[in-house]
C-alpha atoms as a PDB file:
ATOM      1  CA  MET A   1      42.589  54.289-174.641  1.00  0.00           C
ATOM      2  CA  GLY A   2      41.804  50.587-174.757  1.00  0.00           C
ATOM      3  CA  GLN A   3      44.667  49.764-172.425  1.00  0.00           C
ATOM      4  CA  LEU A   4      43.427  52.354-169.945  1.00  0.00           C
ATOM      5  CA  VAL A   5      39.922  50.888-169.899  1.00  0.00           C
ATOM      6  CA  LYS A   6      41.292  47.372-169.471  1.00  0.00           C
ATOM      7  CA  GLN A   7      43.474  48.536-166.603  1.00  0.00           C
ATOM      8  CA  ILE A   8      40.512  50.160-164.830  1.00  0.00           C
ATOM      9  CA  ILE A   9      38.373  47.003-165.205  1.00  0.00           C
ATOM     10  CA  ASP A  10      41.192  44.821-163.927  1.00  0.00           C
ATOM     11  CA  ASP A  11      41.708  47.071-160.931  1.00  0.00           C
ATOM     12  CA  LEU A  12      37.996  46.881-160.066  1.00  0.00           C
ATOM     13  CA  ALA A  13      37.382  43.223-160.860  1.00  0.00           C
ATOM     14  CA  LYS A  14      40.552  41.765-159.359  1.00  0.00           C
ATOM     15  CA  PRO A  15      39.634  42.451-155.697  1.00  0.00           C
ATOM     16  CA  PHE A  16      36.096  41.145-156.319  1.00  0.00           C
ATOM     17  CA  LEU A  17      37.340  37.927-157.917  1.00  0.00           C
ATOM     18  CA  GLU A  18      39.818  37.364-155.088  1.00  0.00           C
ATOM     19  CA  ASP A  19      37.020  37.781-152.522  1.00  0.00           C
ATOM     20  CA  LEU A  20      34.792  35.460-154.581  1.00  0.00           C
ATOM     21  CA  LYS A  21      37.413  32.721-154.527  1.00  0.00           C
ATOM     22  CA  GLU A  22      37.477  32.872-150.761  1.00  0.00           C
ATOM     23  CA  LEU A  23      33.710  32.305-150.420  1.00  0.00           C
ATOM     24  CA  PRO A  24      32.576  28.855-149.269  1.00  0.00           C
ATOM     25  CA  LEU A  25      31.476  26.511-152.017  1.00  0.00           C
ATOM     26  CA  TRP A  26      27.907  26.240-150.721  1.00  0.00           C
ATOM     27  CA  ILE A  27      27.453  29.998-150.992  1.00  0.00           C
ATOM     28  CA  LYS A  28      28.629  29.958-154.603  1.00  0.00           C
ATOM     29  CA  TRP A  29      26.171  27.206-155.500  1.00  0.00           C
ATOM     30  CA  THR A  30      23.386  28.994-153.642  1.00  0.00           C
ATOM     31  CA  VAL A  31      23.993  32.138-155.665  1.00  0.00           C
ATOM     32  CA  ILE A  32      24.030  30.125-158.908  1.00  0.00           C
ATOM     33  CA  VAL A  33      20.758  28.344-158.059  1.00  0.00           C
ATOM     34  CA  ILE A  34      19.004  31.570-157.028  1.00  0.00           C
ATOM     35  CA  THR A  35      20.174  33.290-160.208  1.00  0.00           C
ATOM     36  CA  CYS A  36      18.876  30.459-162.367  1.00  0.00           C
ATOM     37  CA  ALA A  37      15.575  30.336-160.470  1.00  0.00           C
ATOM     38  CA  ALA A  38      15.096  34.079-160.934  1.00  0.00           C
ATOM     39  CA  THR A  39      15.062  33.609-164.703  1.00  0.00           C
ATOM     40  CA  ILE A  40      12.162  31.122-164.584  1.00  0.00           C
ATOM     41  CA  PRO A  41       9.355  33.717-164.085  1.00  0.00           C
ATOM     42  CA  LEU A  42      10.793  35.821-166.898  1.00  0.00           C
ATOM     43  CA  ALA A  43      10.918  32.766-169.160  1.00  0.00           C
ATOM     44  CA  LEU A  44       7.305  31.871-168.329  1.00  0.00           C
ATOM     45  CA  ILE A  45       6.117  35.407-168.996  1.00  0.00           C
ATOM     46  CA  PHE A  46       7.925  35.463-172.335  1.00  0.00           C
ATOM     47  CA  ARG A  47       6.422  32.107-173.290  1.00  0.00           C
ATOM     48  CA  ALA A  48       2.921  33.242-172.358  1.00  0.00           C
ATOM     49  CA  ARG A  49       3.279  36.369-174.451  1.00  0.00           C
ATOM     50  CA  THR A  50       4.571  34.595-177.554  1.00  0.00           C
ATOM     51  CA  SER A  51       2.650  31.293-177.627  1.00  0.00           C
ATOM     52  CA  PHE A  52      -0.953  30.110-177.952  1.00  0.00           C
ATOM     53  CA  SER A  53      -2.836  27.583-175.842  1.00  0.00           C
ATOM     54  CA  ASP A  54      -6.294  26.021-175.930  1.00  0.00           C
ATOM     55  CA  LYS A  55      -6.381  25.935-172.142  1.00  0.00           C
ATOM     56  CA  PRO A  56      -8.130  28.685-170.140  1.00  0.00           C
ATOM     57  CA  ARG A  57      -6.122  31.425-168.479  1.00  0.00           C
ATOM     58  CA  ILE A  58      -4.985  31.057-164.896  1.00  0.00           C
ATOM     59  CA  HIS A  59      -7.972  32.170-162.851  1.00  0.00           C
ATOM     60  CA  PHE A  60      -7.043  32.767-159.203  1.00  0.00           C
ATOM     61  CA  ILE A  61     -10.268  34.534-158.105  1.00  0.00           C
ATOM     62  CA  GLN A  62     -13.183  32.449-159.397  1.00  0.00           C
ATOM     63  CA  ASN A  63     -16.179  34.625-158.437  1.00  0.00           C
ATOM     64  CA  MET A  64     -18.366  31.645-159.422  1.00  0.00           C
ATOM     65  CA  ASP A  65     -17.150  32.007-163.015  1.00  0.00           C
ATOM     66  CA  ASN A  66     -16.374  28.306-163.340  1.00  0.00           C
ATOM     67  CA  GLN A  67     -19.083  25.979-162.100  1.00  0.00           C
ATOM     68  CA  PRO A  68     -19.700  22.270-162.561  1.00  0.00           C
ATOM     69  CA  LYS A  69     -22.687  22.291-164.918  1.00  0.00           C
ATOM     70  CA  TYR A  70     -23.938  21.046-168.264  1.00  0.00           C
ATOM     71  CA  VAL A  71     -24.345  23.420-171.199  1.00  0.00           C
ATOM     72  CA  SER A  72     -26.374  23.161-174.409  1.00  0.00           C
ATOM     73  CA  GLN A  73     -25.726  20.095-176.579  1.00  0.00           C
ATOM     74  CA  GLU A  74     -23.382  18.552-174.001  1.00  0.00           C
ATOM     75  CA  ALA A  75     -23.369  14.804-173.356  1.00  0.00           C
ATOM     76  CA  ASN A  76     -24.525  13.331-170.060  1.00  0.00           C
ATOM     77  CA  ALA A  77     -24.086   9.642-169.322  1.00  0.00           C
ATOM     78  CA  LEU A  78     -26.737   9.785-166.580  1.00  0.00           C
ATOM     79  CA  PHE A  79     -29.565   9.481-169.119  1.00  0.00           C
ATOM     80  CA  LEU A  80     -30.122   6.612-171.531  1.00  0.00           C
ATOM     81  CA  ASP A  81     -30.053   8.859-174.611  1.00  0.00           C
ATOM     82  CA  GLY A  82     -26.769  10.414-173.443  1.00  0.00           C
ATOM     83  CA  ARG A  83     -28.062  14.000-173.694  1.00  0.00           C
ATOM     84  CA  ALA A  84     -27.870  16.653-171.010  1.00  0.00           C
ATOM     85  CA  MET A  85     -30.702  18.616-172.637  1.00  0.00           C
ATOM     86  CA  ARG A  86     -33.991  16.987-171.674  1.00  0.00           C
ATOM     87  CA  PRO A  87     -37.022  17.063-173.973  1.00  0.00           C
ATOM     88  CA  ARG A  88     -40.108  18.901-172.801  1.00  0.00           C
ATOM     89  CA  VAL A  89     -42.781  16.836-171.135  1.00  0.00           C
ATOM     90  CA  GLU A  90     -45.492  16.240-173.716  1.00  0.00           C
ATOM     91  CA  GLY A  91     -48.595  18.308-173.119  1.00  0.00           C
ATOM     92  CA  THR A  92     -46.910  20.770-170.767  1.00  0.00           C
ATOM     93  CA  ILE A  93     -48.246  24.324-171.009  1.00  0.00           C
ATOM     94  CA  PRO A  94     -46.440  27.257-169.380  1.00  0.00           C
ATOM     95  CA  ARG A  95     -48.244  29.001-166.546  1.00  0.00           C
ATOM     96  CA  ASN A  96     -48.589  32.203-168.593  1.00  0.00           C
ATOM     97  CA  GLY A  97     -49.298  30.392-171.864  1.00  0.00           C
ATOM     98  CA  MET A  98     -52.443  29.641-173.816  1.00  0.00           C
ATOM     99  CA  VAL A  99     -55.614  29.059-171.843  1.00  0.00           C
ATOM    100  CA  ASN A 100     -58.500  28.689-174.287  1.00  0.00           C
ATOM    101  CA  ASP A 101     -58.042  31.262-177.059  1.00  0.00           C
ATOM    102  CA  THR A 102     -56.803  29.041-179.897  1.00  0.00           C
ATOM    103  CA  HIS A 103     -57.429  31.849-182.374  1.00  0.00           C
ATOM    104  CA  LEU A 104     -54.969  34.230-180.726  1.00  0.00           C
ATOM    105  CA  TYR A 105     -52.307  31.763-179.656  1.00  0.00           C
ATOM    106  CA  MET A 106     -52.486  29.112-182.398  1.00  0.00           C
ATOM    107  CA  GLY A 107     -54.163  30.758-185.398  1.00  0.00           C
ATOM    108  CA  VAL A 108     -56.858  28.065-185.329  1.00  0.00           C
ATOM    109  CA  VAL A 109     -60.649  28.480-185.284  1.00  0.00           C
ATOM    110  CA  ASP A 110     -62.871  25.374-185.135  1.00  0.00           C
ATOM    111  CA  ASP A 111     -59.946  23.112-186.075  1.00  0.00           C
ATOM    112  CA  ALA A 112     -59.194  25.157-189.214  1.00  0.00           C
ATOM    113  CA  TRP A 113     -56.758  27.945-190.010  1.00  0.00           C
ATOM    114  CA  ALA A 114     -58.145  31.321-189.012  1.00  0.00           C
ATOM    115  CA  THR A 115     -59.189  33.551-191.905  1.00  0.00           C
ATOM    116  CA  GLU A 116     -59.478  36.704-189.796  1.00  0.00           C
ATOM    117  CA  TYR A 117     -57.317  38.405-187.201  1.00  0.00           C
ATOM    118  CA  PRO A 118     -58.141  37.846-183.505  1.00  0.00           C
ATOM    119  CA  SER A 119     -60.717  40.243-182.121  1.00  0.00           C
ATOM    120  CA  ALA A 120     -58.287  41.200-179.338  1.00  0.00           C
ATOM    121  CA  LEU A 121     -56.066  42.927-181.921  1.00  0.00           C
ATOM    122  CA  THR A 122     -56.643  46.171-183.796  1.00  0.00           C
ATOM    123  CA  VAL A 123     -55.218  46.014-187.311  1.00  0.00           C
ATOM    124  CA  ASP A 124     -54.443  49.635-188.146  1.00  0.00           C
ATOM    125  CA  HIS A 125     -51.540  51.664-189.500  1.00  0.00           C
ATOM    126  CA  ALA A 126     -49.615  51.516-186.221  1.00  0.00           C
ATOM    127  CA  PHE A 127     -50.083  47.737-186.172  1.00  0.00           C
ATOM    128  CA  LEU A 128     -48.641  47.431-189.696  1.00  0.00           C
ATOM    129  CA  VAL A 129     -45.704  49.696-188.828  1.00  0.00           C
ATOM    130  CA  ARG A 130     -44.962  47.453-185.847  1.00  0.00           C
ATOM    131  CA  GLY A 131     -45.144  44.421-188.111  1.00  0.00           C
ATOM    132  CA  GLN A 132     -42.787  46.042-190.603  1.00  0.00           C
ATOM    133  CA  GLY A 133     -40.219  46.667-187.867  1.00  0.00           C
ATOM    134  CA  ARG A 134     -40.394  43.089-186.564  1.00  0.00           C
ATOM    135  CA  PHE A 135     -40.296  41.735-190.130  1.00  0.00           C
ATOM    136  CA  ASN A 136     -37.160  43.716-190.952  1.00  0.00           C
ATOM    137  CA  ILE A 137     -35.452  42.432-187.798  1.00  0.00           C
ATOM    138  CA  TYR A 138     -36.381  38.758-187.850  1.00  0.00           C
ATOM    139  CA  CYS A 139     -37.527  37.907-191.388  1.00  0.00           C
ATOM    140  CA  SER A 140     -35.719  40.124-193.878  1.00  0.00           C
ATOM    141  CA  PRO A 141     -32.228  38.602-193.315  1.00  0.00           C
ATOM    142  CA  CYS A 142     -33.489  35.500-195.171  1.00  0.00           C
ATOM    143  CA  HIS A 143     -36.664  36.543-196.990  1.00  0.00           C
ATOM    144  CA  GLY A 144     -35.426  39.998-198.010  1.00  0.00           C
ATOM    145  CA  VAL A 145     -36.920  43.406-197.266  1.00  0.00           C
ATOM    146  CA  GLY A 146     -39.508  42.938-200.017  1.00  0.00           C
ATOM    147  CA  GLY A 147     -40.231  39.312-199.109  1.00  0.00           C
ATOM    148  CA  PHE A 148     -38.841  37.872-202.357  1.00  0.00           C
ATOM    149  CA  GLY A 149     -36.513  35.382-200.647  1.00  0.00           C
ATOM    150  CA  ASP A 150     -33.410  37.399-201.499  1.00  0.00           C
ATOM    151  CA  GLY A 151     -32.082  38.388-198.063  1.00  0.00           C
ATOM    152  CA  LEU A 152     -28.431  38.873-197.154  1.00  0.00           C
ATOM    153  CA  VAL A 153     -28.256  35.491-195.416  1.00  0.00           C
ATOM    154  CA  HIS A 154     -29.477  33.825-198.602  1.00  0.00           C
ATOM    155  CA  HIS A 155     -26.846  35.561-200.737  1.00  0.00           C
ATOM    156  CA  ARG A 156     -24.069  34.691-198.288  1.00  0.00           C
ATOM    157  CA  ALA A 157     -25.186  31.062-198.073  1.00  0.00           C
ATOM    158  CA  ASN A 158     -25.171  30.780-201.862  1.00  0.00           C
ATOM    159  CA  GLN A 159     -21.587  32.070-201.922  1.00  0.00           C
ATOM    160  CA  LEU A 160     -20.539  29.426-199.389  1.00  0.00           C
ATOM    161  CA  VAL A 161     -22.291  26.711-201.383  1.00  0.00           C
ATOM    162  CA  GLU A 162     -20.597  27.796-204.617  1.00  0.00           C
ATOM    163  CA  THR A 163     -17.145  27.826-202.999  1.00  0.00           C
ATOM    164  CA  GLY A 164     -17.738  24.529-201.211  1.00  0.00           C
ATOM    165  CA  VAL A 165     -16.821  25.828-197.763  1.00  0.00           C
ATOM    166  CA  ASN A 166     -17.068  23.025-195.176  1.00  0.00           C
ATOM    167  CA  GLY A 167     -19.617  21.150-197.253  1.00  0.00           C
ATOM    168  CA  THR A 168     -22.201  23.906-196.819  1.00  0.00           C
ATOM    169  CA  THR A 169     -25.748  23.159-197.995  1.00  0.00           C
ATOM    170  CA  TRP A 170     -28.571  25.655-198.165  1.00  0.00           C
ATOM    171  CA  VAL A 171     -32.327  25.545-198.683  1.00  0.00           C
ATOM    172  CA  ALA A 172     -33.465  28.809-200.240  1.00  0.00           C
ATOM    173  CA  PRO A 173     -36.031  30.772-198.201  1.00  0.00           C
ATOM    174  CA  LYS A 174     -39.518  31.022-199.631  1.00  0.00           C
ATOM    175  CA  ASN A 175     -40.589  33.874-201.866  1.00  0.00           C
ATOM    176  CA  LEU A 176     -43.555  35.221-199.905  1.00  0.00           C
ATOM    177  CA  HIS A 177     -45.174  36.360-203.153  1.00  0.00           C
ATOM    178  CA  GLU A 178     -45.537  32.850-204.556  1.00  0.00           C
ATOM    179  CA  ASP A 179     -49.109  31.701-205.069  1.00  0.00           C
ATOM    180  CA  VAL A 180     -48.703  28.868-202.532  1.00  0.00           C
ATOM    181  CA  ILE A 181     -47.837  31.431-199.844  1.00  0.00           C
ATOM    182  CA  LYS A 182     -50.374  34.048-200.893  1.00  0.00           C
ATOM    183  CA  GLU A 183     -53.125  31.443-200.698  1.00  0.00           C
ATOM    184  CA  GLN A 184     -52.336  30.646-197.068  1.00  0.00           C
ATOM    185  CA  GLN A 185     -54.742  31.978-194.473  1.00  0.00           C
ATOM    186  CA  VAL A 186     -53.497  34.369-191.797  1.00  0.00           C
ATOM    187  CA  GLY A 187     -53.729  31.600-189.202  1.00  0.00           C
ATOM    188  CA  GLU A 188     -51.403  29.341-191.171  1.00  0.00           C
ATOM    189  CA  LEU A 189     -48.847  32.128-191.589  1.00  0.00           C
ATOM    190  CA  PHE A 190     -49.036  32.784-187.865  1.00  0.00           C
ATOM    191  CA  ASN A 191     -48.439  29.091-187.161  1.00  0.00           C
ATOM    192  CA  THR A 192     -45.411  29.044-189.466  1.00  0.00           C
ATOM    193  CA  ILE A 193     -43.830  31.983-187.657  1.00  0.00           C
ATOM    194  CA  THR A 194     -44.675  30.449-184.286  1.00  0.00           C
ATOM    195  CA  ASN A 195     -43.531  26.864-184.825  1.00  0.00           C
ATOM    196  CA  GLY A 196     -41.329  27.075-187.900  1.00  0.00           C
ATOM    197  CA  VAL A 197     -41.530  24.942-191.035  1.00  0.00           C
ATOM    198  CA  ARG A 198     -38.978  22.760-192.842  1.00  0.00           C
ATOM    199  CA  THR A 199     -35.584  24.419-192.245  1.00  0.00           C
ATOM    200  CA  MET A 200     -37.082  27.624-190.827  1.00  0.00           C
ATOM    201  CA  SER A 201     -36.835  27.692-187.046  1.00  0.00           C
ATOM    202  CA  ALA A 202     -39.616  28.674-184.651  1.00  0.00           C
ATOM    203  CA  TYR A 203     -39.815  32.268-183.414  1.00  0.00           C
ATOM    204  CA  ALA A 204     -42.320  31.869-180.576  1.00  0.00           C
ATOM    205  CA  SER A 205     -39.568  32.298-177.987  1.00  0.00           C
ATOM    206  CA  GLN A 206     -38.254  35.491-179.609  1.00  0.00           C
ATOM    207  CA  ILE A 207     -41.334  37.309-180.867  1.00  0.00           C
ATOM    208  CA  THR A 208     -44.412  38.001-178.757  1.00  0.00           C
ATOM    209  CA  THR A 209     -47.848  36.760-179.845  1.00  0.00           C
ATOM    210  CA  GLN A 210     -49.053  40.227-180.823  1.00  0.00           C
ATOM    211  CA  ASP A 211     -45.897  40.955-182.804  1.00  0.00           C
ATOM    212  CA  ARG A 212     -46.244  37.668-184.710  1.00  0.00           C
ATOM    213  CA  TRP A 213     -49.716  38.711-185.773  1.00  0.00           C
ATOM    214  CA  ALA A 214     -48.330  42.118-186.739  1.00  0.00           C
ATOM    215  CA  ILE A 215     -45.774  40.390-188.980  1.00  0.00           C
ATOM    216  CA  VAL A 216     -48.581  38.396-190.592  1.00  0.00           C
ATOM    217  CA  ALA A 217     -50.455  41.622-191.319  1.00  0.00           C
ATOM    218  CA  TYR A 218     -47.353  43.180-192.844  1.00  0.00           C
ATOM    219  CA  ILE A 219     -46.712  40.099-195.022  1.00  0.00           C
ATOM    220  CA  LYS A 220     -50.259  40.359-196.336  1.00  0.00           C
ATOM    221  CA  ALA A 221     -49.625  44.053-197.038  1.00  0.00           C
ATOM    222  CA  LEU A 222     -46.456  43.170-198.957  1.00  0.00           C
ATOM    223  CA  GLN A 223     -48.353  40.607-201.013  1.00  0.00           C
ATOM    224  CA  LEU A 224     -51.125  43.081-201.726  1.00  0.00           C
ATOM    225  CA  SER A 225     -48.589  45.675-202.851  1.00  0.00           C
ATOM    226  CA  GLN A 226     -47.523  43.487-205.778  1.00  0.00           C
ATOM    227  CA  ASP A 227     -50.898  42.736-207.338  1.00  0.00           C
ATOM    228  CA  ALA A 228     -53.374  45.212-205.891  1.00  0.00           C
ATOM    229  CA  ASP A 229     -56.420  46.063-207.968  1.00  0.00           C
ATOM    230  CA  PRO A 230     -56.126  49.707-209.130  1.00  0.00           C
ATOM    231  CA  ALA A 231     -59.893  49.988-208.823  1.00  0.00           C
ATOM    232  CA  SER A 232     -59.543  49.699-205.041  1.00  0.00           C
ATOM    233  CA  VAL A 233     -57.681  53.033-204.953  1.00  0.00           C
ATOM    234  CA  ALA A 234     -59.741  56.216-205.074  1.00  0.00           C
ATOM    235  CA  ASN A 235     -59.143  58.292-208.233  1.00  0.00           C
ATOM    236  CA  ALA A 236     -56.851  55.591-209.610  1.00  0.00           C
ATOM    237  CA  ASP A 237     -57.501  56.778-213.158  1.00  0.00           C
ATOM    238  CA  ALA A 238     -55.764  60.068-212.376  1.00  0.00           C
ATOM    239  CA  ILE A 239     -52.569  58.425-211.102  1.00  0.00           C
ATOM    240  CA  PRO A 240     -49.635  58.707-213.592  1.00  0.00           C
ATOM    241  CA  ARG A 241     -48.598  55.372-215.133  1.00  0.00           C
ATOM    242  CA  LYS A 242     -45.260  54.119-216.446  1.00  0.00           C
ATOM    243  CA  SER A 243     -46.907  52.667-219.566  1.00  0.00           C
ATOM    244  CA  ALA A 244     -50.199  52.932-221.349  1.00  0.00           C
ATOM    245  CA  ASN A 245     -51.127  49.330-220.574  1.00  0.00           C
ATOM    246  CA  GLU A 246     -50.335  49.511-216.846  1.00  0.00           C
ATOM    247  CA  GLY A 247     -53.390  48.713-214.792  1.00  0.00           C
ATOM    248  CA  SER A 248     -55.384  47.419-217.760  1.00  0.00           C
ATOM    249  CA  SER A 249     -57.012  44.015-217.695  1.00  0.00           C
ATOM    250  CA  GLU A 250     -55.445  42.979-221.017  1.00  0.00           C
END
C-alpha cells in the first residue's frame, strides 16, 4: 500500500518538479518573496491576539475621538505653576449663583450660622424623605445609613489600612451623633455639605441647594431619633418598653 501511494505521488510531482526547474530564476525568487510576504499579516494578527501593549489600538477613522487637549491634572509648561488646570478667579460668582440670599445659599444669617431653615423651603415629611434619599446616596457610603460613621467605604478603607495596601491611610468619617456634631446649627451643617471639611470633599457641584438643606433636615431627624424625649410623643406612657427603666430620667 505504501509503495502504491509513493508511486502515485512521484507520478504527480515529477512533472511539476521538472517544469519548476525550467522556470527562470527571477520567477522562483518572486514566488518565494511573495510567499514569505503573505505570512506577515498572519504573523501580525497572531501577535496582536496573544500579546499585550500599552499603546492605543490602531484607529483609522478618528471621528474626533483623539484631539490635542489637556485633561484633568495634566502638566502644562505654558503656565508658571506647570498646571493645565487653572484656579478659579477669586470672587467670581456664576451667573445663576447666589445673589443676596446668604441664608439659602450659604447657611449664614447676620454673619452667624443660621439656626432655622430658609423661609423659601417647606420642611415637611416629603422634604425629609427627599433628604433621606440624598443622604443614602451621597453620605451613607462613609457615614453609614444610621449616621454612625460606619459606612461601607469606611470598612473597606480600614481593611486596606490593616493590610498595608499601597501605603493606604484613612481618616474615619465623623459619627453624626457625637455631641460636637449635634451642637452644630443647621447653617453650619449646610456649609459642611456645601464646601466640605477636612478630608470630606465638597458636594455643591453634585447636590442642589434644596437637596443639601433636605439632607441637613434628615441628619437632624437621625440625631433626634437617638435621644428624643418620650414626653414629646403623644400617649408615650402607653408605648411598650424593652425594660422597666427605659424612658425614665434615672
